[in-house]
Amino acid sequence: MKNCLVVDDSKVIRKVARHILETLNFSVDEAEDGRQALDRVEERMPDVVLLDWNMPVMSGMEFLRNLRQTNYEVQPKVVFCTTENDAAHIRAAIDAGADEYVMKPFDRETLESKLQIVGVA
């Protein structure tokens, strides 16, 4: 079973994402911010990270940069999941190491499609 780490400061978004991911046969871990997400990655490397952009303590971009700069033997796929939808944000995310980008609100079909694109669904 594949594992997804859902990183979002919104409990509602984490709950919705968990429900969708579990119907897609993922096990799910959660983090409320980038700092917690780095701790979760140290505990258990996920196959994919569903990552919010704007969070307290450590933003999604800060998390992504830290993740990609660390010499882990295996790196997870990262799908940014955010309301930031302009081309500059999307380019910045991809340049920082994101594998895909999905807009909030998302549904099961959209998320499943993005996970297939990055090769984890």
PDB file of N, CA and C in Angstrom:
ATOM      1  N   MET A   1       0.843  -1.189   0.000  1.00  0.00           N
ATOM      2  CA  MET A   1       0.000   0.000   0.000  1.00  0.00           C
ATOM      3  C   MET A   1       0.881   1.242   0.000  1.00  0.00           C
ATOM      4  N   LYS A   2       0.591   2.171  -0.876  1.00  0.00           N
ATOM      5  CA  LYS A   2       1.334   3.430  -0.958  1.00  0.00           C
ATOM      6  C   LYS A   2       0.959   4.322   0.221  1.00  0.00           C
ATOM      7  N   ASN A   3       1.891   5.212   0.578  1.00  0.00           N
ATOM      8  CA  ASN A   3       1.666   6.129   1.696  1.00  0.00           C
ATOM      9  C   ASN A   3       1.721   7.568   1.203  1.00  0.00           C
ATOM     10  N   CYS A   4       0.773   8.379   1.682  1.00  0.00           N
ATOM     11  CA  CYS A   4       0.734   9.809   1.363  1.00  0.00           C
ATOM     12  C   CYS A   4       0.791  10.619   2.646  1.00  0.00           C
ATOM     13  N   LEU A   5       1.628  11.615   2.659  1.00  0.00           N
ATOM     14  CA  LEU A   5       1.685  12.573   3.744  1.00  0.00           C
ATOM     15  C   LEU A   5       0.916  13.812   3.301  1.00  0.00           C
ATOM     16  N   VAL A   6      -0.162  14.135   4.016  1.00  0.00           N
ATOM     17  CA  VAL A   6      -0.976  15.312   3.714  1.00  0.00           C
ATOM     18  C   VAL A   6      -0.527  16.430   4.645  1.00  0.00           C
ATOM     19  N   VAL A   7      -0.037  17.521   4.052  1.00  0.00           N
ATOM     20  CA  VAL A   7       0.503  18.649   4.817  1.00  0.00           C
ATOM     21  C   VAL A   7      -0.361  19.870   4.544  1.00  0.00           C
ATOM     22  N   ASP A   8      -1.167  20.232   5.538  1.00  0.00           N
ATOM     23  CA  ASP A   8      -2.074  21.376   5.390  1.00  0.00           C
ATOM     24  C   ASP A   8      -2.463  21.858   6.777  1.00  0.00           C
ATOM     25  N   ASP A   9      -2.528  23.180   6.961  1.00  0.00           N
ATOM     26  CA  ASP A   9      -2.920  23.702   8.268  1.00  0.00           C
ATOM     27  C   ASP A   9      -4.430  23.635   8.487  1.00  0.00           C
ATOM     28  N   SER A  10      -5.191  23.298   7.462  1.00  0.00           N
ATOM     29  CA  SER A  10      -6.644  23.163   7.586  1.00  0.00           C
ATOM     30  C   SER A  10      -7.016  21.721   7.911  1.00  0.00           C
ATOM     31  N   LYS A  11      -7.637  21.544   9.071  1.00  0.00           N
ATOM     32  CA  LYS A  11      -8.083  20.206   9.476  1.00  0.00           C
ATOM     33  C   LYS A  11      -9.116  19.659   8.491  1.00  0.00           C
ATOM     34  N   VAL A  12      -9.959  20.533   7.952  1.00  0.00           N
ATOM     35  CA  VAL A  12     -10.988  20.117   6.992  1.00  0.00           C
ATOM     36  C   VAL A  12     -10.337  19.577   5.721  1.00  0.00           C
ATOM     37  N   ILE A  13      -9.348  20.282   5.193  1.00  0.00           N
ATOM     38  CA  ILE A  13      -8.662  19.824   3.981  1.00  0.00           C
ATOM     39  C   ILE A  13      -7.971  18.496   4.244  1.00  0.00           C
ATOM     40  N   ARG A  14      -7.320  18.374   5.403  1.00  0.00           N
ATOM     41  CA  ARG A  14      -6.660  17.098   5.717  1.00  0.00           C
ATOM     42  C   ARG A  14      -7.677  15.963   5.783  1.00  0.00           C
ATOM     43  N   LYS A  15      -8.838  16.237   6.354  1.00  0.00           N
ATOM     44  CA  LYS A  15      -9.879  15.205   6.468  1.00  0.00           C
ATOM     45  C   LYS A  15     -10.410  14.798   5.090  1.00  0.00           C
ATOM     46  N   VAL A  16     -10.686  15.781   4.236  1.00  0.00           N
ATOM     47  CA  VAL A  16     -11.178  15.503   2.879  1.00  0.00           C
ATOM     48  C   VAL A  16     -10.124  14.728   2.089  1.00  0.00           C
ATOM     49  N   ALA A  17      -8.873  15.181   2.148  1.00  0.00           N
ATOM     50  CA  ALA A  17      -7.793  14.506   1.426  1.00  0.00           C
ATOM     51  C   ALA A  17      -7.629  13.076   1.935  1.00  0.00           C
ATOM     52  N   ARG A  18      -7.685  12.890   3.244  1.00  0.00           N
ATOM     53  CA  ARG A  18      -7.554  11.546   3.821  1.00  0.00           C
ATOM     54  C   ARG A  18      -8.639  10.633   3.271  1.00  0.00           C
ATOM     55  N   HIS A  19      -9.870  11.117   3.269  1.00  0.00           N
ATOM     56  CA  HIS A  19     -10.989  10.304   2.780  1.00  0.00           C
ATOM     57  C   HIS A  19     -10.757   9.882   1.322  1.00  0.00           C
ATOM     58  N   ILE A  20     -10.408  10.849   0.491  1.00  0.00           N
ATOM     59  CA  ILE A  20     -10.168  10.549  -0.933  1.00  0.00           C
ATOM     60  C   ILE A  20      -9.016   9.562  -1.085  1.00  0.00           C
ATOM     61  N   LEU A  21      -7.913   9.828  -0.417  1.00  0.00           N
ATOM     62  CA  LEU A  21      -6.727   8.986  -0.549  1.00  0.00           C
ATOM     63  C   LEU A  21      -6.979   7.562  -0.059  1.00  0.00           C
ATOM     64  N   GLU A  22      -7.737   7.428   1.023  1.00  0.00           N
ATOM     65  CA  GLU A  22      -8.035   6.084   1.517  1.00  0.00           C
ATOM     66  C   GLU A  22      -8.910   5.310   0.540  1.00  0.00           C
ATOM     67  N   THR A  23      -9.802   6.007  -0.182  1.00  0.00           N
ATOM     68  CA  THR A  23     -10.602   5.315  -1.212  1.00  0.00           C
ATOM     69  C   THR A  23      -9.729   4.906  -2.399  1.00  0.00           C
ATOM     70  N   LEU A  24      -8.560   5.537  -2.526  1.00  0.00           N
ATOM     71  CA  LEU A  24      -7.599   5.186  -3.580  1.00  0.00           C
ATOM     72  C   LEU A  24      -6.538   4.205  -3.065  1.00  0.00           C
ATOM     73  N   ASN A  25      -6.796   3.628  -1.900  1.00  0.00           N
ATOM     74  CA  ASN A  25      -5.925   2.617  -1.280  1.00  0.00           C
ATOM     75  C   ASN A  25      -4.563   3.136  -0.840  1.00  0.00           C
ATOM     76  N   PHE A  26      -4.529   4.364  -0.331  1.00  0.00           N
ATOM     77  CA  PHE A  26      -3.326   4.914   0.281  1.00  0.00           C
ATOM     78  C   PHE A  26      -3.462   4.839   1.797  1.00  0.00           C
ATOM     79  N   SER A  27      -2.347   4.614   2.476  1.00  0.00           N
ATOM     80  CA  SER A  27      -2.311   4.894   3.907  1.00  0.00           C
ATOM     81  C   SER A  27      -1.949   6.374   4.006  1.00  0.00           C
ATOM     82  N   VAL A  28      -2.421   7.046   5.042  1.00  0.00           N
ATOM     83  CA  VAL A  28      -2.283   8.499   5.119  1.00  0.00           C
ATOM     84  C   VAL A  28      -1.698   8.919   6.463  1.00  0.00           C
ATOM     85  N   ASP A  29      -0.684   9.773   6.403  1.00  0.00           N
ATOM     86  CA  ASP A  29      -0.165  10.470   7.570  1.00  0.00           C
ATOM     87  C   ASP A  29      -0.484  11.948   7.366  1.00  0.00           C
ATOM     88  N   GLU A  30      -0.508  12.701   8.461  1.00  0.00           N
ATOM     89  CA  GLU A  30      -0.857  14.117   8.381  1.00  0.00           C
ATOM     90  C   GLU A  30       0.158  14.978   9.116  1.00  0.00           C
ATOM     91  N   ALA A  31       0.275  16.226   8.650  1.00  0.00           N
ATOM     92  CA  ALA A  31       1.072  17.241   9.327  1.00  0.00           C
ATOM     93  C   ALA A  31       0.373  18.582   9.143  1.00  0.00           C
ATOM     94  N   GLU A  32       0.468  19.437  10.161  1.00  0.00           N
ATOM     95  CA  GLU A  32      -0.209  20.737  10.140  1.00  0.00           C
ATOM     96  C   GLU A  32       0.636  21.845   9.533  1.00  0.00           C
ATOM     97  N   ASP A  33       1.934  21.607   9.370  1.00  0.00           N
ATOM     98  CA  ASP A  33       2.829  22.618   8.800  1.00  0.00           C
ATOM     99  C   ASP A  33       4.089  21.930   8.298  1.00  0.00           C
ATOM    100  N   GLY A  34       4.930  22.694   7.647  1.00  0.00           N
ATOM    101  CA  GLY A  34       6.143  22.143   7.066  1.00  0.00           C
ATOM    102  C   GLY A  34       7.103  21.559   8.082  1.00  0.00           C
ATOM    103  N   ARG A  35       7.194  22.146   9.261  1.00  0.00           N
ATOM    104  CA  ARG A  35       8.087  21.640  10.315  1.00  0.00           C
ATOM    105  C   ARG A  35       7.646  20.236  10.736  1.00  0.00           C
ATOM    106  N   GLN A  36       6.330  20.073  10.993  1.00  0.00           N
ATOM    107  CA  GLN A  36       5.809  18.752  11.348  1.00  0.00           C
ATOM    108  C   GLN A  36       6.020  17.771  10.198  1.00  0.00           C
ATOM    109  N   ALA A  37       5.880  18.256   8.976  1.00  0.00           N
ATOM    110  CA  ALA A  37       6.048  17.397   7.808  1.00  0.00           C
ATOM    111  C   ALA A  37       7.479  16.865   7.730  1.00  0.00           C
ATOM    112  N   LEU A  38       8.466  17.707   7.995  1.00  0.00           N
ATOM    113  CA  LEU A  38       9.856  17.233   7.992  1.00  0.00           C
ATOM    114  C   LEU A  38      10.066  16.165   9.054  1.00  0.00           C
ATOM    115  N   ASP A  39       9.432  16.343  10.211  1.00  0.00           N
ATOM    116  CA  ASP A  39       9.519  15.325  11.268  1.00  0.00           C
ATOM    117  C   ASP A  39       8.895  14.013  10.808  1.00  0.00           C
ATOM    118  N   ARG A  40       7.733  14.085  10.138  1.00  0.00           N
ATOM    119  CA  ARG A  40       7.050  12.873   9.642  1.00  0.00           C
ATOM    120  C   ARG A  40       7.908  12.151   8.597  1.00  0.00           C
ATOM    121  N   VAL A  41       8.556  12.936   7.724  1.00  0.00           N
ATOM    122  CA  VAL A  41       9.418  12.356   6.691  1.00  0.00           C
ATOM    123  C   VAL A  41      10.586  11.607   7.341  1.00  0.00           C
ATOM    124  N   GLU A  42      11.123  12.167   8.424  1.00  0.00           N
ATOM    125  CA  GLU A  42      12.215  11.496   9.145  1.00  0.00           C
ATOM    126  C   GLU A  42      11.736  10.168   9.733  1.00  0.00           C
ATOM    127  N   GLU A  43      10.487  10.137  10.205  1.00  0.00           N
ATOM    128  CA  GLU A  43       9.918   8.924  10.803  1.00  0.00           C
ATOM    129  C   GLU A  43       9.605   7.867   9.746  1.00  0.00           C
ATOM    130  N   ARG A  44       9.020   8.313   8.639  1.00  0.00           N
ATOM    131  CA  ARG A  44       8.577   7.389   7.594  1.00  0.00           C
ATOM    132  C   ARG A  44       8.509   8.148   6.272  1.00  0.00           C
ATOM    133  N   MET A  45       9.346   7.752   5.321  1.00  0.00           N
ATOM    134  CA  MET A  45       9.365   8.421   4.025  1.00  0.00           C
ATOM    135  C   MET A  45       8.112   8.037   3.242  1.00  0.00           C
ATOM    136  N   PRO A  46       7.278   9.019   2.886  1.00  0.00           N
ATOM    137  CA  PRO A  46       6.071   8.716   2.118  1.00  0.00           C
ATOM    138  C   PRO A  46       6.403   8.509   0.637  1.00  0.00           C
ATOM    139  N   ASP A  47       5.468   7.904  -0.070  1.00  0.00           N
ATOM    140  CA  ASP A  47       5.599   7.773  -1.520  1.00  0.00           C
ATOM    141  C   ASP A  47       5.278   9.099  -2.194  1.00  0.00           C
ATOM    142  N   VAL A  48       4.351   9.845  -1.581  1.00  0.00           N
ATOM    143  CA  VAL A  48       3.913  11.120  -2.145  1.00  0.00           C
ATOM    144  C   VAL A  48       3.522  12.064  -1.011  1.00  0.00           C
ATOM    145  N   VAL A  49       3.743  13.355  -1.240  1.00  0.00           N
ATOM    146  CA  VAL A  49       3.357  14.400  -0.295  1.00  0.00           C
ATOM    147  C   VAL A  49       2.355  15.308  -0.990  1.00  0.00           C
ATOM    148  N   LEU A  50       1.195  15.490  -0.373  1.00  0.00           N
ATOM    149  CA  LEU A  50       0.199  16.454  -0.826  1.00  0.00           C
ATOM    150  C   LEU A  50       0.418  17.690   0.032  1.00  0.00           C
ATOM    151  N   LEU A  51       0.871  18.794  -0.581  1.00  0.00           N
ATOM    152  CA  LEU A  51       1.466  19.907   0.150  1.00  0.00           C
ATOM    153  C   LEU A  51       0.754  21.232  -0.079  1.00  0.00           C
ATOM    154  N   ASP A  52       0.337  21.852   1.022  1.00  0.00           N
ATOM    155  CA  ASP A  52      -0.246  23.195   0.977  1.00  0.00           C
ATOM    156  C   ASP A  52       0.879  24.224   0.859  1.00  0.00           C
ATOM    157  N   TRP A  53       0.563  25.375   0.305  1.00  0.00           N
ATOM    158  CA  TRP A  53       1.556  26.440   0.127  1.00  0.00           C
ATOM    159  C   TRP A  53       1.678  27.295   1.388  1.00  0.00           C
ATOM    160  N   ASN A  54       0.550  27.869   1.822  1.00  0.00           N
ATOM    161  CA  ASN A  54       0.545  28.840   2.918  1.00  0.00           C
ATOM    162  C   ASN A  54       0.203  28.162   4.245  1.00  0.00           C
ATOM    163  N   MET A  55       1.206  28.086   5.120  1.00  0.00           N
ATOM    164  CA  MET A  55       1.012  27.493   6.437  1.00  0.00           C
ATOM    165  C   MET A  55       1.854  28.255   7.452  1.00  0.00           C
ATOM    166  N   PRO A  56       1.444  28.218   8.719  1.00  0.00           N
ATOM    167  CA  PRO A  56       2.273  28.821   9.766  1.00  0.00           C
ATOM    168  C   PRO A  56       3.502  27.954  10.042  1.00  0.00           C
ATOM    169  N   VAL A  57       4.426  28.465  10.801  1.00  0.00           N
ATOM    170  CA  VAL A  57       5.654  27.796  11.246  1.00  0.00           C
ATOM    171  C   VAL A  57       6.624  27.583  10.082  1.00  0.00           C
ATOM    172  N   MET A  58       6.227  26.796   9.060  1.00  0.00           N
ATOM    173  CA  MET A  58       7.057  26.581   7.877  1.00  0.00           C
ATOM    174  C   MET A  58       6.140  26.383   6.687  1.00  0.00           C
ATOM    175  N   SER A  59       6.319  27.209   5.656  1.00  0.00           N
ATOM    176  CA  SER A  59       5.460  27.139   4.464  1.00  0.00           C
ATOM    177  C   SER A  59       5.759  25.888   3.644  1.00  0.00           C
ATOM    178  N   GLY A  60       4.889  25.632   2.694  1.00  0.00           N
ATOM    179  CA  GLY A  60       5.093  24.515   1.784  1.00  0.00           C
ATOM    180  C   GLY A  60       6.374  24.658   0.975  1.00  0.00           C
ATOM    181  N   MET A  61       6.668  25.857   0.524  1.00  0.00           N
ATOM    182  CA  MET A  61       7.897  26.080  -0.246  1.00  0.00           C
ATOM    183  C   MET A  61       9.138  25.826   0.617  1.00  0.00           C
ATOM    184  N   GLU A  62       9.120  26.293   1.865  1.00  0.00           N
ATOM    185  CA  GLU A  62      10.260  26.049   2.752  1.00  0.00           C
ATOM    186  C   GLU A  62      10.437  24.548   2.992  1.00  0.00           C
ATOM    187  N   PHE A  63       9.326  23.852   3.213  1.00  0.00           N
ATOM    188  CA  PHE A  63       9.388  22.398   3.389  1.00  0.00           C
ATOM    189  C   PHE A  63       9.990  21.737   2.151  1.00  0.00           C
ATOM    190  N   LEU A  64       9.488  22.106   0.977  1.00  0.00           N
ATOM    191  CA  LEU A  64       9.933  21.493  -0.266  1.00  0.00           C
ATOM    192  C   LEU A  64      11.426  21.722  -0.481  1.00  0.00           C
ATOM    193  N   ARG A  65      11.886  22.927  -0.254  1.00  0.00           N
ATOM    194  CA  ARG A  65      13.316  23.217  -0.430  1.00  0.00           C
ATOM    195  C   ARG A  65      14.166  22.384   0.535  1.00  0.00           C
ATOM    196  N   ASN A  66      13.718  22.303   1.797  1.00  0.00           N
ATOM    197  CA  ASN A  66      14.437  21.483   2.783  1.00  0.00           C
ATOM    198  C   ASN A  66      14.455  20.015   2.368  1.00  0.00           C
ATOM    199  N   LEU A  67      13.316  19.518   1.930  1.00  0.00           N
ATOM    200  CA  LEU A  67      13.200  18.120   1.515  1.00  0.00           C
ATOM    201  C   LEU A  67      14.145  17.811   0.366  1.00  0.00           C
ATOM    202  N   ARG A  68      14.122  18.639  -0.655  1.00  0.00           N
ATOM    203  CA  ARG A  68      14.924  18.394  -1.854  1.00  0.00           C
ATOM    204  C   ARG A  68      16.427  18.602  -1.608  1.00  0.00           C
ATOM    205  N   GLN A  69      16.796  19.398  -0.608  1.00  0.00           N
ATOM    206  CA  GLN A  69      18.217  19.633  -0.311  1.00  0.00           C
ATOM    207  C   GLN A  69      18.809  18.568   0.603  1.00  0.00           C
ATOM    208  N   THR A  70      17.970  17.733   1.171  1.00  0.00           N
ATOM    209  CA  THR A  70      18.440  16.668   2.048  1.00  0.00           C
ATOM    210  C   THR A  70      18.739  15.443   1.206  1.00  0.00           C
ATOM    211  N   ASN A  71      19.821  14.785   1.500  1.00  0.00           N
ATOM    212  CA  ASN A  71      20.264  13.647   0.689  1.00  0.00           C
ATOM    213  C   ASN A  71      19.593  12.339   1.104  1.00  0.00           C
ATOM    214  N   TYR A  72      18.268  12.294   0.965  1.00  0.00           N
ATOM    215  CA  TYR A  72      17.559  11.049   1.217  1.00  0.00           C
ATOM    216  C   TYR A  72      17.812  10.097   0.058  1.00  0.00           C
ATOM    217  N   GLU A  73      17.926   8.819   0.372  1.00  0.00           N
ATOM    218  CA  GLU A  73      18.153   7.819  -0.667  1.00  0.00           C
ATOM    219  C   GLU A  73      17.000   7.793  -1.665  1.00  0.00           C
ATOM    220  N   VAL A  74      15.788   7.946  -1.136  1.00  0.00           N
ATOM    221  CA  VAL A  74      14.586   7.975  -1.971  1.00  0.00           C
ATOM    222  C   VAL A  74      13.831   9.264  -1.650  1.00  0.00           C
ATOM    223  N   GLN A  75      13.387   9.956  -2.682  1.00  0.00           N
ATOM    224  CA  GLN A  75      12.609  11.192  -2.498  1.00  0.00           C
ATOM    225  C   GLN A  75      11.146  10.922  -2.862  1.00  0.00           C
ATOM    226  N   PRO A  76      10.220  11.473  -2.091  1.00  0.00           N
ATOM    227  CA  PRO A  76       8.818  11.295  -2.451  1.00  0.00           C
ATOM    228  C   PRO A  76       8.431  12.206  -3.615  1.00  0.00           C
ATOM    229  N   LYS A  77       7.363  11.848  -4.299  1.00  0.00           N
ATOM    230  CA  LYS A  77       6.743  12.757  -5.253  1.00  0.00           C
ATOM    231  C   LYS A  77       6.043  13.834  -4.434  1.00  0.00           C
ATOM    232  N   VAL A  78       5.995  15.060  -4.944  1.00  0.00           N
ATOM    233  CA  VAL A  78       5.349  16.155  -4.236  1.00  0.00           C
ATOM    234  C   VAL A  78       4.318  16.799  -5.148  1.00  0.00           C
ATOM    235  N   VAL A  79       3.075  16.842  -4.654  1.00  0.00           N
ATOM    236  CA  VAL A  79       1.977  17.495  -5.367  1.00  0.00           C
ATOM    237  C   VAL A  79       1.544  18.693  -4.533  1.00  0.00           C
ATOM    238  N   PHE A  80       1.804  19.900  -5.044  1.00  0.00           N
ATOM    239  CA  PHE A  80       1.317  21.098  -4.355  1.00  0.00           C
ATOM    240  C   PHE A  80      -0.192  21.147  -4.506  1.00  0.00           C
ATOM    241  N   CYS A  81      -0.865  21.448  -3.421  1.00  0.00           N
ATOM    242  CA  CYS A  81      -2.327  21.524  -3.402  1.00  0.00           C
ATOM    243  C   CYS A  81      -2.676  22.846  -2.743  1.00  0.00           C
ATOM    244  N   THR A  82      -3.059  23.835  -3.542  1.00  0.00           N
ATOM    245  CA  THR A  82      -3.167  25.190  -3.002  1.00  0.00           C
ATOM    246  C   THR A  82      -4.156  26.041  -3.775  1.00  0.00           C
ATOM    247  N   THR A  83      -4.459  27.203  -3.219  1.00  0.00           N
ATOM    248  CA  THR A  83      -5.304  28.180  -3.913  1.00  0.00           C
ATOM    249  C   THR A  83      -4.467  29.132  -4.759  1.00  0.00           C
ATOM    250  N   GLU A  84      -3.139  29.063  -4.621  1.00  0.00           N
ATOM    251  CA  GLU A  84      -2.243  29.915  -5.414  1.00  0.00           C
ATOM    252  C   GLU A  84      -2.227  29.385  -6.849  1.00  0.00           C
ATOM    253  N   ASN A  85      -2.839  30.129  -7.776  1.00  0.00           N
ATOM    254  CA  ASN A  85      -3.023  29.567  -9.115  1.00  0.00           C
ATOM    255  C   ASN A  85      -2.391  30.359 -10.253  1.00  0.00           C
ATOM    256  N   ASP A  86      -1.592  31.366  -9.940  1.00  0.00           N
ATOM    257  CA  ASP A  86      -0.990  32.120 -11.035  1.00  0.00           C
ATOM    258  C   ASP A  86       0.264  31.408 -11.534  1.00  0.00           C
ATOM    259  N   ALA A  87       0.651  31.718 -12.750  1.00  0.00           N
ATOM    260  CA  ALA A  87       1.771  31.043 -13.405  1.00  0.00           C
ATOM    261  C   ALA A  87       3.070  31.174 -12.611  1.00  0.00           C
ATOM    262  N   ALA A  88       3.292  32.307 -11.963  1.00  0.00           N
ATOM    263  CA  ALA A  88       4.524  32.510 -11.200  1.00  0.00           C
ATOM    264  C   ALA A  88       4.624  31.527 -10.030  1.00  0.00           C
ATOM    265  N   HIS A  89       3.513  31.309  -9.325  1.00  0.00           N
ATOM    266  CA  HIS A  89       3.515  30.357  -8.221  1.00  0.00           C
ATOM    267  C   HIS A  89       3.751  28.935  -8.731  1.00  0.00           C
ATOM    268  N   ILE A  90       3.082  28.595  -9.806  1.00  0.00           N
ATOM    269  CA  ILE A  90       3.231  27.245 -10.359  1.00  0.00           C
ATOM    270  C   ILE A  90       4.675  27.023 -10.797  1.00  0.00           C
ATOM    271  N   ARG A  91       5.265  27.967 -11.491  1.00  0.00           N
ATOM    272  CA  ARG A  91       6.652  27.863 -11.941  1.00  0.00           C
ATOM    273  C   ARG A  91       7.596  27.766 -10.745  1.00  0.00           C
ATOM    274  N   ALA A  92       7.372  28.581  -9.719  1.00  0.00           N
ATOM    275  CA  ALA A  92       8.225  28.553  -8.523  1.00  0.00           C
ATOM    276  C   ALA A  92       8.166  27.178  -7.855  1.00  0.00           C
ATOM    277  N   ALA A  93       6.977  26.594  -7.789  1.00  0.00           N
ATOM    278  CA  ALA A  93       6.821  25.273  -7.172  1.00  0.00           C
ATOM    279  C   ALA A  93       7.562  24.206  -7.971  1.00  0.00           C
ATOM    280  N   ILE A  94       7.407  24.227  -9.272  1.00  0.00           N
ATOM    281  CA  ILE A  94       8.077  23.246 -10.126  1.00  0.00           C
ATOM    282  C   ILE A  94       9.598  23.432 -10.046  1.00  0.00           C
ATOM    283  N   ASP A  95      10.047  24.681 -10.087  1.00  0.00           N
ATOM    284  CA  ASP A  95      11.481  24.968  -9.991  1.00  0.00           C
ATOM    285  C   ASP A  95      12.070  24.502  -8.658  1.00  0.00           C
ATOM    286  N   ALA A  96      11.260  24.542  -7.589  1.00  0.00           N
ATOM    287  CA  ALA A  96      11.729  24.123  -6.263  1.00  0.00           C
ATOM    288  C   ALA A  96      11.705  22.607  -6.093  1.00  0.00           C
ATOM    289  N   GLY A  97      11.092  21.903  -7.046  1.00  0.00           N
ATOM    290  CA  GLY A  97      11.120  20.447  -6.977  1.00  0.00           C
ATOM    291  C   GLY A  97       9.769  19.770  -6.876  1.00  0.00           C
ATOM    292  N   ALA A  98       8.677  20.521  -7.013  1.00  0.00           N
ATOM    293  CA  ALA A  98       7.351  19.894  -7.011  1.00  0.00           C
ATOM    294  C   ALA A  98       7.185  19.077  -8.294  1.00  0.00           C
ATOM    295  N   ASP A  99       6.455  17.978  -8.194  1.00  0.00           N
ATOM    296  CA  ASP A  99       6.221  17.122  -9.357  1.00  0.00           C
ATOM    297  C   ASP A  99       4.911  17.463 -10.062  1.00  0.00           C
ATOM    298  N   GLU A 100       3.953  17.973  -9.315  1.00  0.00           N
ATOM    299  CA  GLU A 100       2.642  18.336  -9.888  1.00  0.00           C
ATOM    300  C   GLU A 100       2.020  19.419  -9.042  1.00  0.00           C
ATOM    301  N   TYR A 101       0.871  19.902  -9.501  1.00  0.00           N
ATOM    302  CA  TYR A 101       0.203  21.040  -8.894  1.00  0.00           C
ATOM    303  C   TYR A 101      -1.294  20.833  -9.046  1.00  0.00           C
ATOM    304  N   VAL A 102      -2.042  20.932  -7.969  1.00  0.00           N
ATOM    305  CA  VAL A 102      -3.498  20.797  -8.035  1.00  0.00           C
ATOM    306  C   VAL A 102      -4.137  21.957  -7.266  1.00  0.00           C
ATOM    307  N   MET A 103      -5.223  22.449  -7.801  1.00  0.00           N
ATOM    308  CA  MET A 103      -5.903  23.595  -7.201  1.00  0.00           C
ATOM    309  C   MET A 103      -6.946  23.151  -6.193  1.00  0.00           C
ATOM    310  N   LYS A 104      -7.089  23.910  -5.108  1.00  0.00           N
ATOM    311  CA  LYS A 104      -8.190  23.731  -4.154  1.00  0.00           C
ATOM    312  C   LYS A 104      -9.383  24.526  -4.667  1.00  0.00           C
ATOM    313  N   PRO A 105     -10.582  24.069  -4.497  1.00  0.00           N
ATOM    314  CA  PRO A 105     -10.919  22.745  -3.973  1.00  0.00           C
ATOM    315  C   PRO A 105     -10.703  21.690  -5.044  1.00  0.00           C
ATOM    316  N   PHE A 106     -10.391  20.488  -4.618  1.00  0.00           N
ATOM    317  CA  PHE A 106     -10.160  19.384  -5.541  1.00  0.00           C
ATOM    318  C   PHE A 106     -11.164  18.269  -5.249  1.00  0.00           C
ATOM    319  N   ASP A 107     -11.343  17.397  -6.219  1.00  0.00           N
ATOM    320  CA  ASP A 107     -12.230  16.251  -6.022  1.00  0.00           C
ATOM    321  C   ASP A 107     -11.426  14.969  -6.246  1.00  0.00           C
ATOM    322  N   ARG A 108     -12.071  13.840  -6.064  1.00  0.00           N
ATOM    323  CA  ARG A 108     -11.410  12.543  -6.173  1.00  0.00           C
ATOM    324  C   ARG A 108     -10.784  12.349  -7.559  1.00  0.00           C
ATOM    325  N   GLU A 109     -11.531  12.676  -8.601  1.00  0.00           N
ATOM    326  CA  GLU A 109     -11.047  12.462  -9.961  1.00  0.00           C
ATOM    327  C   GLU A 109      -9.807  13.293 -10.254  1.00  0.00           C
ATOM    328  N   THR A 110      -9.819  14.540  -9.836  1.00  0.00           N
ATOM    329  CA  THR A 110      -8.676  15.429 -10.069  1.00  0.00           C
ATOM    330  C   THR A 110      -7.446  14.928  -9.326  1.00  0.00           C
ATOM    331  N   LEU A 111      -7.621  14.575  -8.063  1.00  0.00           N
ATOM    332  CA  LEU A 111      -6.491  14.103  -7.275  1.00  0.00           C
ATOM    333  C   LEU A 111      -5.963  12.775  -7.820  1.00  0.00           C
ATOM    334  N   GLU A 112      -6.851  11.885  -8.171  1.00  0.00           N
ATOM    335  CA  GLU A 112      -6.430  10.602  -8.737  1.00  0.00           C
ATOM    336  C   GLU A 112      -5.633  10.812 -10.025  1.00  0.00           C
ATOM    337  N   SER A 113      -6.081  11.728 -10.866  1.00  0.00           N
ATOM    338  CA  SER A 113      -5.396  12.034 -12.115  1.00  0.00           C
ATOM    339  C   SER A 113      -3.977  12.546 -11.843  1.00  0.00           C
ATOM    340  N   LYS A 114      -3.825  13.461 -10.888  1.00  0.00           N
ATOM    341  CA  LYS A 114      -2.502  14.008 -10.567  1.00  0.00           C
ATOM    342  C   LYS A 114      -1.586  12.925 -10.003  1.00  0.00           C
ATOM    343  N   LEU A 115      -2.130  12.029  -9.188  1.00  0.00           N
ATOM    344  CA  LEU A 115      -1.338  10.947  -8.623  1.00  0.00           C
ATOM    345  C   LEU A 115      -0.902   9.960  -9.711  1.00  0.00           C
ATOM    346  N   GLN A 116      -1.746   9.765 -10.709  1.00  0.00           N
ATOM    347  CA  GLN A 116      -1.370   8.916 -11.843  1.00  0.00           C
ATOM    348  C   GLN A 116      -0.252   9.578 -12.654  1.00  0.00           C
ATOM    349  N   ILE A 117      -0.347  10.880 -12.849  1.00  0.00           N
ATOM    350  CA  ILE A 117       0.675  11.609 -13.607  1.00  0.00           C
ATOM    351  C   ILE A 117       2.048  11.445 -12.957  1.00  0.00           C
ATOM    352  N   VAL A 118       2.098  11.526 -11.629  1.00  0.00           N
ATOM    353  CA  VAL A 118       3.402  11.402 -10.942  1.00  0.00           C
ATOM    354  C   VAL A 118       3.799   9.952 -10.692  1.00  0.00           C
ATOM    355  N   GLY A 119       2.913   9.014 -11.061  1.00  0.00           N
ATOM    356  CA  GLY A 119       3.253   7.601 -11.016  1.00  0.00           C
ATOM    357  C   GLY A 119       3.097   6.908  -9.684  1.00  0.00           C
ATOM    358  N   VAL A 120       2.196   7.393  -8.841  1.00  0.00           N
ATOM    359  CA  VAL A 120       1.998   6.737  -7.540  1.00  0.00           C
ATOM    360  C   VAL A 120       0.605   6.146  -7.373  1.00  0.00           C
ATOM    361  N   ALA A 121      -0.296   6.375  -8.314  1.00  0.00           N
ATOM    362  CA  ALA A 121      -1.669   5.844  -8.168  1.00  0.00           C
ATOM    363  C   ALA A 121      -1.815   4.542  -8.929  1.00  0.00           C
TER     364      ALA A 121
END
